Amino acid sequence: MRIRIALATASVAAFTVLCITLPAGAPRAGALSADATHHAGERTGGARHLGAQAGTAGLGEQLFAVTETATSVLAAPPPPPSTDATSTDTADWACIRMRESGDRYNSEAAPSGAYGIVEGTWESYGNSGWPYEAPAASQDALALRLYNEYGWAPWSSRFACGL
């Protein structure tokens, strides 16, 4: 008996094993041809067919085929959409930044920074210096914190933005 097996590397695959017993001397007709039984591992129609044949007088001939088929992998669900409470990358925050600073994080006019934060508020949340001197991420973080505590109330520009 001779068996040759060659498996394709794949991250996810399902295998189906097919075993057909043919009477001794029966012709190989149909989808599994003589060529398919002798040439294990050939690609046919996008699947791999691996074959082996064992023939003994009186026992018939067994044909084995292992077919590898791709299975779909469930993708992680998409992240929830950004909201004003979780991200400053929304249209509402863009409007606030435009009205407060011309959408400039380095706006020195008091109140300063992208969100027009007064120095006293900036310092009361543990920051030092002026808001416009801080990185954009720090200004965004404080704006989100203020929003989550008070809604849009800290920004008088909310009315112009329809908030």
N, C-alpha and C. Protein backbone atom coordinates (compact mmCIF):
# COMPACT_ATOMS: atom_id res chain seq x y z
N MET A 1 0.85 -1.16 0.00
CA MET A 1 0.00 0.00 0.00
C MET A 1 0.89 1.22 0.00
N ARG A 2 0.53 2.21 -0.77
CA ARG A 2 1.30 3.42 -0.88
C ARG A 2 0.38 4.59 -0.59
N ILE A 3 0.77 5.48 0.35
CA ILE A 3 -0.04 6.65 0.70
C ILE A 3 0.85 7.88 0.64
N ARG A 4 0.39 8.86 -0.09
CA ARG A 4 1.10 10.13 -0.13
C ARG A 4 0.15 11.19 0.39
N ILE A 5 0.61 11.98 1.33
CA ILE A 5 -0.23 13.03 1.89
C ILE A 5 0.55 14.34 1.85
N ALA A 6 -0.08 15.35 1.33
CA ALA A 6 0.51 16.69 1.31
C ALA A 6 -0.59 17.66 1.70
N LEU A 7 -0.43 18.30 2.83
CA LEU A 7 -1.44 19.23 3.30
C LEU A 7 -1.00 20.65 3.03
N ALA A 8 -1.94 21.46 2.61
CA ALA A 8 -1.63 22.87 2.39
C ALA A 8 -1.64 23.57 3.74
N THR A 9 -0.78 24.54 3.89
CA THR A 9 -0.79 25.31 5.12
C THR A 9 -1.89 26.35 5.01
N ALA A 10 -2.72 26.38 6.00
CA ALA A 10 -3.81 27.34 6.04
C ALA A 10 -4.11 27.62 7.50
N SER A 11 -4.52 28.84 7.78
CA SER A 11 -4.79 29.19 9.16
C SER A 11 -6.06 28.52 9.65
N VAL A 12 -7.05 28.40 8.80
CA VAL A 12 -8.29 27.74 9.17
C VAL A 12 -8.72 26.88 8.00
N ALA A 13 -8.95 25.60 8.22
CA ALA A 13 -9.40 24.73 7.14
C ALA A 13 -10.27 23.63 7.73
N ALA A 14 -11.15 23.12 6.93
CA ALA A 14 -11.98 21.98 7.33
C ALA A 14 -11.63 20.84 6.39
N PHE A 15 -11.57 19.64 6.92
CA PHE A 15 -11.20 18.50 6.09
C PHE A 15 -12.34 17.51 6.03
N THR A 16 -12.61 17.01 4.84
CA THR A 16 -13.62 16.00 4.63
C THR A 16 -12.91 14.77 4.08
N VAL A 17 -13.16 13.62 4.67
CA VAL A 17 -12.52 12.39 4.21
C VAL A 17 -13.57 11.58 3.46
N LEU A 18 -13.21 11.13 2.28
CA LEU A 18 -14.10 10.35 1.44
C LEU A 18 -13.44 9.01 1.18
N CYS A 19 -14.12 7.93 1.48
CA CYS A 19 -13.58 6.59 1.24
C CYS A 19 -14.57 5.85 0.37
N ILE A 20 -14.12 5.42 -0.78
CA ILE A 20 -14.97 4.67 -1.71
C ILE A 20 -14.32 3.32 -1.96
N THR A 21 -15.09 2.26 -1.81
CA THR A 21 -14.58 0.93 -2.11
C THR A 21 -15.15 0.49 -3.45
N LEU A 22 -14.28 0.18 -4.38
CA LEU A 22 -14.70 -0.25 -5.70
C LEU A 22 -14.44 -1.75 -5.83
N PRO A 23 -15.29 -2.45 -6.55
CA PRO A 23 -15.03 -3.87 -6.79
C PRO A 23 -13.72 -4.01 -7.58
N ALA A 24 -13.08 -5.13 -7.39
CA ALA A 24 -11.82 -5.39 -8.11
C ALA A 24 -12.05 -5.29 -9.60
N GLY A 25 -11.20 -4.54 -10.27
CA GLY A 25 -11.27 -4.41 -11.72
C GLY A 25 -12.32 -3.44 -12.21
N ALA A 26 -13.05 -2.76 -11.30
CA ALA A 26 -14.09 -1.82 -11.73
C ALA A 26 -13.44 -0.60 -12.37
N PRO A 27 -14.03 -0.09 -13.44
CA PRO A 27 -13.47 1.10 -14.07
C PRO A 27 -13.68 2.31 -13.17
N ARG A 28 -12.75 3.20 -13.24
CA ARG A 28 -12.87 4.44 -12.46
C ARG A 28 -13.53 5.48 -13.36
N ALA A 29 -14.77 5.73 -13.11
CA ALA A 29 -15.51 6.67 -13.94
C ALA A 29 -16.05 7.78 -13.06
N GLY A 30 -16.48 8.83 -13.69
CA GLY A 30 -17.12 9.90 -12.95
C GLY A 30 -16.12 10.94 -12.48
N ALA A 31 -16.46 11.56 -11.34
CA ALA A 31 -15.68 12.69 -10.84
C ALA A 31 -14.27 12.28 -10.41
N LEU A 32 -14.10 11.04 -9.90
CA LEU A 32 -12.78 10.59 -9.46
C LEU A 32 -12.17 9.74 -10.57
N SER A 33 -11.30 10.31 -11.32
CA SER A 33 -10.69 9.61 -12.44
C SER A 33 -9.45 8.85 -12.00
N ALA A 34 -8.95 7.99 -12.87
CA ALA A 34 -7.73 7.25 -12.58
C ALA A 34 -6.59 8.22 -12.34
N ASP A 35 -6.60 9.34 -13.06
CA ASP A 35 -5.55 10.33 -12.90
C ASP A 35 -5.57 10.91 -11.48
N ALA A 36 -6.74 11.11 -10.94
CA ALA A 36 -6.85 11.68 -9.59
C ALA A 36 -6.37 10.71 -8.54
N THR A 37 -6.51 9.38 -8.79
CA THR A 37 -6.08 8.41 -7.79
C THR A 37 -4.57 8.25 -7.78
N HIS A 38 -3.90 8.52 -8.87
CA HIS A 38 -2.46 8.32 -8.95
C HIS A 38 -1.66 9.59 -8.67
N HIS A 39 -2.29 10.73 -8.76
CA HIS A 39 -1.58 11.99 -8.57
C HIS A 39 -2.14 12.70 -7.35
N ALA A 40 -1.70 12.26 -6.22
CA ALA A 40 -2.19 12.85 -4.96
C ALA A 40 -1.69 14.27 -4.84
N GLY A 41 -2.56 15.12 -4.27
CA GLY A 41 -2.15 16.48 -3.98
C GLY A 41 -2.35 17.46 -5.10
N GLU A 42 -2.90 17.04 -6.24
CA GLU A 42 -3.11 17.99 -7.32
C GLU A 42 -4.29 18.87 -6.99
N ARG A 43 -4.22 20.10 -7.43
CA ARG A 43 -5.31 21.04 -7.21
C ARG A 43 -6.37 20.86 -8.29
N THR A 44 -7.60 20.70 -7.86
CA THR A 44 -8.71 20.56 -8.81
C THR A 44 -9.86 21.40 -8.31
N GLY A 45 -10.27 22.38 -9.09
CA GLY A 45 -11.43 23.18 -8.74
C GLY A 45 -11.29 23.91 -7.42
N GLY A 46 -10.11 24.33 -7.05
CA GLY A 46 -9.91 25.10 -5.84
C GLY A 46 -9.74 24.25 -4.59
N ALA A 47 -9.81 22.92 -4.68
CA ALA A 47 -9.63 22.06 -3.51
C ALA A 47 -8.45 21.13 -3.76
N ARG A 48 -7.88 20.58 -2.70
CA ARG A 48 -6.80 19.61 -2.84
C ARG A 48 -7.39 18.23 -2.69
N HIS A 49 -7.01 17.33 -3.57
CA HIS A 49 -7.44 15.94 -3.47
C HIS A 49 -6.21 15.11 -3.20
N LEU A 50 -6.21 14.43 -2.07
CA LEU A 50 -5.08 13.60 -1.71
C LEU A 50 -5.54 12.16 -1.82
N GLY A 51 -4.83 11.36 -2.52
CA GLY A 51 -5.33 10.01 -2.75
C GLY A 51 -4.33 8.95 -2.38
N ALA A 52 -4.84 7.76 -2.17
CA ALA A 52 -4.01 6.58 -1.95
C ALA A 52 -4.79 5.42 -2.52
N GLN A 53 -4.08 4.46 -3.00
CA GLN A 53 -4.83 3.31 -3.50
C GLN A 53 -4.20 2.05 -2.94
N ALA A 54 -5.06 1.13 -2.56
CA ALA A 54 -4.59 -0.16 -2.04
C ALA A 54 -5.36 -1.22 -2.79
N GLY A 55 -4.68 -2.00 -3.58
CA GLY A 55 -5.37 -3.02 -4.35
C GLY A 55 -4.86 -4.40 -3.98
N THR A 56 -5.76 -5.28 -3.69
CA THR A 56 -5.40 -6.66 -3.38
C THR A 56 -6.41 -7.54 -4.10
N ALA A 57 -5.97 -8.63 -4.64
CA ALA A 57 -6.87 -9.52 -5.38
C ALA A 57 -8.03 -9.93 -4.50
N GLY A 58 -9.23 -9.74 -4.99
CA GLY A 58 -10.43 -10.17 -4.28
C GLY A 58 -10.96 -9.14 -3.29
N LEU A 59 -10.13 -8.22 -2.81
CA LEU A 59 -10.61 -7.25 -1.82
C LEU A 59 -11.14 -5.99 -2.47
N GLY A 60 -10.87 -5.82 -3.73
CA GLY A 60 -11.31 -4.60 -4.38
C GLY A 60 -10.28 -3.50 -4.20
N GLU A 61 -10.61 -2.33 -4.61
CA GLU A 61 -9.68 -1.21 -4.56
C GLU A 61 -10.32 -0.10 -3.75
N GLN A 62 -9.59 0.45 -2.78
CA GLN A 62 -10.12 1.54 -1.98
C GLN A 62 -9.46 2.83 -2.42
N LEU A 63 -10.27 3.82 -2.56
CA LEU A 63 -9.79 5.13 -2.97
C LEU A 63 -10.11 6.11 -1.86
N PHE A 64 -9.10 6.77 -1.35
CA PHE A 64 -9.30 7.75 -0.29
C PHE A 64 -9.03 9.14 -0.85
N ALA A 65 -9.84 10.06 -0.50
CA ALA A 65 -9.59 11.45 -0.91
C ALA A 65 -9.85 12.34 0.29
N VAL A 66 -8.92 13.19 0.60
CA VAL A 66 -9.08 14.17 1.67
C VAL A 66 -9.22 15.51 0.96
N THR A 67 -10.30 16.18 1.21
CA THR A 67 -10.55 17.45 0.55
C THR A 67 -10.46 18.58 1.55
N GLU A 68 -9.64 19.54 1.27
CA GLU A 68 -9.48 20.70 2.15
C GLU A 68 -10.35 21.81 1.58
N THR A 69 -11.18 22.38 2.42
CA THR A 69 -12.00 23.50 1.98
C THR A 69 -11.82 24.64 2.97
N ALA A 70 -11.80 25.82 2.46
CA ALA A 70 -11.65 26.99 3.32
C ALA A 70 -12.96 27.23 4.06
N THR A 71 -12.84 27.62 5.30
CA THR A 71 -14.02 27.98 6.07
C THR A 71 -13.91 29.45 6.41
N SER A 72 -15.04 30.06 6.59
CA SER A 72 -15.01 31.48 6.90
C SER A 72 -14.67 31.66 8.38
N VAL A 73 -13.90 32.65 8.63
CA VAL A 73 -13.52 32.99 9.99
C VAL A 73 -14.37 34.17 10.41
N LEU A 74 -14.98 34.05 11.56
CA LEU A 74 -15.80 35.15 12.03
C LEU A 74 -14.90 36.30 12.43
N ALA A 75 -15.14 37.43 11.82
CA ALA A 75 -14.36 38.62 12.12
C ALA A 75 -14.88 39.24 13.41
N ALA A 76 -14.02 39.93 14.09
CA ALA A 76 -14.43 40.63 15.30
C ALA A 76 -15.47 41.67 14.91
N PRO A 77 -16.45 41.88 15.77
CA PRO A 77 -17.46 42.87 15.42
C PRO A 77 -16.82 44.25 15.31
N PRO A 78 -17.38 45.10 14.47
CA PRO A 78 -16.79 46.43 14.33
C PRO A 78 -16.91 47.19 15.65
N PRO A 79 -15.99 48.10 15.89
CA PRO A 79 -16.07 48.86 17.13
C PRO A 79 -17.34 49.72 17.13
N PRO A 80 -17.84 50.02 18.31
CA PRO A 80 -19.04 50.85 18.34
C PRO A 80 -18.72 52.23 17.75
N PRO A 81 -19.71 52.89 17.18
CA PRO A 81 -19.45 54.19 16.58
C PRO A 81 -19.01 55.19 17.66
N SER A 82 -18.18 56.13 17.24
CA SER A 82 -17.73 57.17 18.16
C SER A 82 -18.91 58.05 18.55
N THR A 83 -18.93 58.44 19.81
CA THR A 83 -19.95 59.37 20.28
C THR A 83 -19.24 60.58 20.88
N ASP A 84 -19.97 61.63 21.14
CA ASP A 84 -19.38 62.82 21.75
C ASP A 84 -18.77 62.51 23.11
N ALA A 85 -19.27 61.49 23.79
CA ALA A 85 -18.76 61.13 25.11
C ALA A 85 -17.48 60.30 25.05
N THR A 86 -17.19 59.70 23.90
CA THR A 86 -16.03 58.80 23.81
C THR A 86 -14.93 59.30 22.89
N SER A 87 -15.21 60.27 22.04
CA SER A 87 -14.20 60.72 21.07
C SER A 87 -14.44 62.18 20.70
N THR A 88 -13.35 62.89 20.51
CA THR A 88 -13.48 64.28 20.02
C THR A 88 -13.43 64.33 18.50
N ASP A 89 -13.45 63.18 17.85
CA ASP A 89 -13.47 63.10 16.39
C ASP A 89 -14.91 63.00 15.87
N THR A 90 -15.76 63.91 16.34
CA THR A 90 -17.15 63.93 15.87
C THR A 90 -17.45 65.32 15.30
N ALA A 91 -18.54 65.44 14.60
CA ALA A 91 -18.93 66.73 14.01
C ALA A 91 -19.22 67.75 15.11
N ASP A 92 -19.81 67.33 16.21
CA ASP A 92 -20.11 68.27 17.31
C ASP A 92 -18.83 68.86 17.89
N TRP A 93 -17.84 68.00 18.14
CA TRP A 93 -16.57 68.50 18.68
C TRP A 93 -15.85 69.37 17.66
N ALA A 94 -15.93 69.04 16.39
CA ALA A 94 -15.30 69.86 15.35
C ALA A 94 -15.90 71.26 15.36
N CYS A 95 -17.21 71.34 15.54
CA CYS A 95 -17.87 72.65 15.60
C CYS A 95 -17.40 73.43 16.83
N ILE A 96 -17.34 72.78 17.99
CA ILE A 96 -16.86 73.44 19.22
C ILE A 96 -15.44 73.97 19.00
N ARG A 97 -14.55 73.13 18.48
CA ARG A 97 -13.16 73.56 18.25
C ARG A 97 -13.10 74.74 17.28
N MET A 98 -13.90 74.69 16.22
CA MET A 98 -13.89 75.76 15.23
C MET A 98 -14.35 77.07 15.88
N ARG A 99 -15.39 77.02 16.68
CA ARG A 99 -15.94 78.23 17.33
C ARG A 99 -15.04 78.74 18.44
N GLU A 100 -14.38 77.86 19.17
CA GLU A 100 -13.56 78.26 20.31
C GLU A 100 -12.16 78.73 19.91
N SER A 101 -11.57 78.12 18.88
CA SER A 101 -10.17 78.41 18.58
C SER A 101 -9.83 78.45 17.09
N GLY A 102 -10.82 78.36 16.24
CA GLY A 102 -10.52 78.23 14.81
C GLY A 102 -9.92 76.87 14.50
N ASP A 103 -10.23 75.88 15.36
CA ASP A 103 -9.74 74.50 15.27
C ASP A 103 -8.22 74.43 15.38
N ARG A 104 -7.67 75.29 16.29
CA ARG A 104 -6.22 75.30 16.52
C ARG A 104 -5.94 74.91 17.98
N TYR A 105 -5.17 73.88 18.15
CA TYR A 105 -4.81 73.44 19.50
C TYR A 105 -3.83 74.41 20.16
N ASN A 106 -3.14 75.21 19.37
CA ASN A 106 -2.15 76.13 19.92
C ASN A 106 -2.66 77.56 20.02
N SER A 107 -3.97 77.74 20.06
CA SER A 107 -4.56 79.07 20.17
C SER A 107 -4.22 79.66 21.54
N GLU A 108 -3.50 80.80 21.53
CA GLU A 108 -3.05 81.41 22.78
C GLU A 108 -4.08 82.33 23.39
N ALA A 109 -5.09 82.71 22.65
CA ALA A 109 -6.10 83.63 23.19
C ALA A 109 -6.76 82.98 24.40
N ALA A 110 -6.93 83.77 25.46
CA ALA A 110 -7.57 83.22 26.66
C ALA A 110 -9.08 83.30 26.47
N PRO A 111 -9.81 82.30 26.82
CA PRO A 111 -9.37 80.96 27.20
C PRO A 111 -8.64 80.31 26.03
N SER A 112 -7.76 79.37 26.33
CA SER A 112 -6.84 78.91 25.29
C SER A 112 -7.01 77.45 24.91
N GLY A 113 -6.22 77.06 23.91
CA GLY A 113 -6.27 75.70 23.41
C GLY A 113 -7.44 75.50 22.47
N ALA A 114 -7.57 74.32 21.96
CA ALA A 114 -8.59 74.00 20.97
C ALA A 114 -10.01 74.19 21.49
N TYR A 115 -10.21 73.98 22.78
CA TYR A 115 -11.56 74.00 23.35
C TYR A 115 -11.84 75.24 24.18
N GLY A 116 -10.94 76.21 24.14
CA GLY A 116 -11.15 77.45 24.87
C GLY A 116 -11.30 77.22 26.37
N ILE A 117 -10.39 76.47 26.94
CA ILE A 117 -10.46 76.13 28.36
C ILE A 117 -9.75 77.22 29.16
N VAL A 118 -10.41 77.71 30.22
CA VAL A 118 -9.81 78.74 31.06
C VAL A 118 -8.73 78.12 31.94
N GLU A 119 -7.74 78.93 32.30
CA GLU A 119 -6.60 78.43 33.05
C GLU A 119 -7.02 77.81 34.38
N GLY A 120 -7.96 78.40 35.08
CA GLY A 120 -8.41 77.87 36.38
C GLY A 120 -9.00 76.46 36.24
N THR A 121 -9.78 76.24 35.21
CA THR A 121 -10.35 74.90 34.98
C THR A 121 -9.23 73.93 34.64
N TRP A 122 -8.32 74.34 33.80
CA TRP A 122 -7.18 73.51 33.39
C TRP A 122 -6.40 73.05 34.62
N GLU A 123 -6.09 73.98 35.51
CA GLU A 123 -5.31 73.67 36.70
C GLU A 123 -6.11 72.85 37.72
N SER A 124 -7.42 73.07 37.80
CA SER A 124 -8.23 72.33 38.77
C SER A 124 -8.31 70.84 38.44
N TYR A 125 -7.96 70.46 37.22
CA TYR A 125 -7.93 69.05 36.83
C TYR A 125 -6.50 68.49 36.82
N GLY A 126 -5.61 69.17 37.54
CA GLY A 126 -4.25 68.65 37.73
C GLY A 126 -3.24 69.01 36.67
N ASN A 127 -3.59 69.93 35.78
CA ASN A 127 -2.66 70.33 34.72
C ASN A 127 -1.91 71.59 35.14
N SER A 128 -0.77 71.83 34.50
CA SER A 128 -0.02 73.06 34.76
C SER A 128 0.20 73.79 33.45
N GLY A 129 0.57 75.05 33.56
CA GLY A 129 0.78 75.85 32.36
C GLY A 129 -0.55 76.24 31.73
N TRP A 130 -0.48 76.53 30.45
CA TRP A 130 -1.68 76.91 29.71
C TRP A 130 -2.16 75.75 28.84
N PRO A 131 -3.46 75.67 28.59
CA PRO A 131 -3.97 74.59 27.74
C PRO A 131 -3.31 74.55 26.35
N TYR A 132 -3.04 75.72 25.75
CA TYR A 132 -2.47 75.73 24.40
C TYR A 132 -1.05 75.15 24.36
N GLU A 133 -0.38 75.08 25.51
CA GLU A 133 0.96 74.51 25.57
C GLU A 133 0.95 72.98 25.66
N ALA A 134 -0.20 72.43 25.99
CA ALA A 134 -0.32 70.98 26.18
C ALA A 134 -0.54 70.27 24.85
N PRO A 135 -0.16 68.98 24.78
CA PRO A 135 -0.42 68.20 23.56
C PRO A 135 -1.93 68.10 23.28
N ALA A 136 -2.24 67.89 22.03
CA ALA A 136 -3.65 67.77 21.62
C ALA A 136 -4.36 66.68 22.41
N ALA A 137 -3.68 65.55 22.67
CA ALA A 137 -4.31 64.45 23.41
C ALA A 137 -4.72 64.87 24.81
N SER A 138 -3.93 65.71 25.46
CA SER A 138 -4.28 66.19 26.80
C SER A 138 -5.48 67.11 26.75
N GLN A 139 -5.52 67.98 25.74
CA GLN A 139 -6.67 68.88 25.59
C GLN A 139 -7.94 68.09 25.28
N ASP A 140 -7.82 67.10 24.41
CA ASP A 140 -8.97 66.25 24.08
C ASP A 140 -9.47 65.51 25.32
N ALA A 141 -8.54 64.98 26.12
CA ALA A 141 -8.92 64.21 27.30
C ALA A 141 -9.69 65.08 28.30
N LEU A 142 -9.23 66.31 28.50
CA LEU A 142 -9.95 67.18 29.44
C LEU A 142 -11.31 67.58 28.87
N ALA A 143 -11.38 67.86 27.58
CA ALA A 143 -12.67 68.21 26.98
C ALA A 143 -13.67 67.06 27.16
N LEU A 144 -13.22 65.83 26.93
CA LEU A 144 -14.12 64.68 27.12
C LEU A 144 -14.52 64.52 28.58
N ARG A 145 -13.59 64.75 29.47
CA ARG A 145 -13.91 64.64 30.90
C ARG A 145 -14.94 65.70 31.30
N LEU A 146 -14.75 66.92 30.84
CA LEU A 146 -15.72 67.98 31.13
C LEU A 146 -17.09 67.64 30.54
N TYR A 147 -17.10 67.16 29.31
CA TYR A 147 -18.36 66.79 28.67
C TYR A 147 -19.07 65.68 29.46
N ASN A 148 -18.31 64.68 29.88
CA ASN A 148 -18.93 63.56 30.61
C ASN A 148 -19.41 63.99 32.00
N GLU A 149 -18.88 65.06 32.55
CA GLU A 149 -19.35 65.57 33.85
C GLU A 149 -20.48 66.59 33.71
N TYR A 150 -20.42 67.46 32.68
CA TYR A 150 -21.35 68.58 32.59
C TYR A 150 -22.11 68.69 31.27
N GLY A 151 -21.90 67.78 30.35
CA GLY A 151 -22.52 67.92 29.04
C GLY A 151 -21.87 69.08 28.29
N TRP A 152 -22.66 69.77 27.46
CA TRP A 152 -22.11 70.88 26.67
C TRP A 152 -22.09 72.20 27.44
N ALA A 153 -22.55 72.23 28.68
CA ALA A 153 -22.65 73.47 29.46
C ALA A 153 -21.36 74.29 29.53
N PRO A 154 -20.17 73.69 29.64
CA PRO A 154 -18.96 74.52 29.73
C PRO A 154 -18.66 75.35 28.47
N TRP A 155 -19.31 75.11 27.37
CA TRP A 155 -19.01 75.81 26.13
C TRP A 155 -20.20 76.66 25.69
N SER A 156 -20.01 77.96 25.72
CA SER A 156 -21.08 78.87 25.26
C SER A 156 -21.28 78.73 23.75
N SER A 157 -20.28 78.27 23.05
CA SER A 157 -20.39 78.08 21.60
C SER A 157 -21.34 76.92 21.25
N ARG A 158 -21.78 76.18 22.24
CA ARG A 158 -22.70 75.05 21.99
C ARG A 158 -23.96 75.50 21.28
N PHE A 159 -24.41 76.72 21.60
CA PHE A 159 -25.65 77.21 20.97
C PHE A 159 -25.46 77.42 19.47
N ALA A 160 -24.31 77.97 19.08
CA ALA A 160 -24.02 78.18 17.67
C ALA A 160 -23.88 76.85 16.93
N CYS A 161 -23.51 75.82 17.69
CA CYS A 161 -23.36 74.47 17.10
C CYS A 161 -24.65 73.68 17.16
N GLY A 162 -25.69 74.26 17.75
CA GLY A 162 -26.98 73.56 17.85
C GLY A 162 -26.98 72.46 18.89
N LEU A 163 -26.16 72.62 19.92
CA LEU A 163 -26.07 71.60 20.98
C LEU A 163 -26.73 72.03 22.26
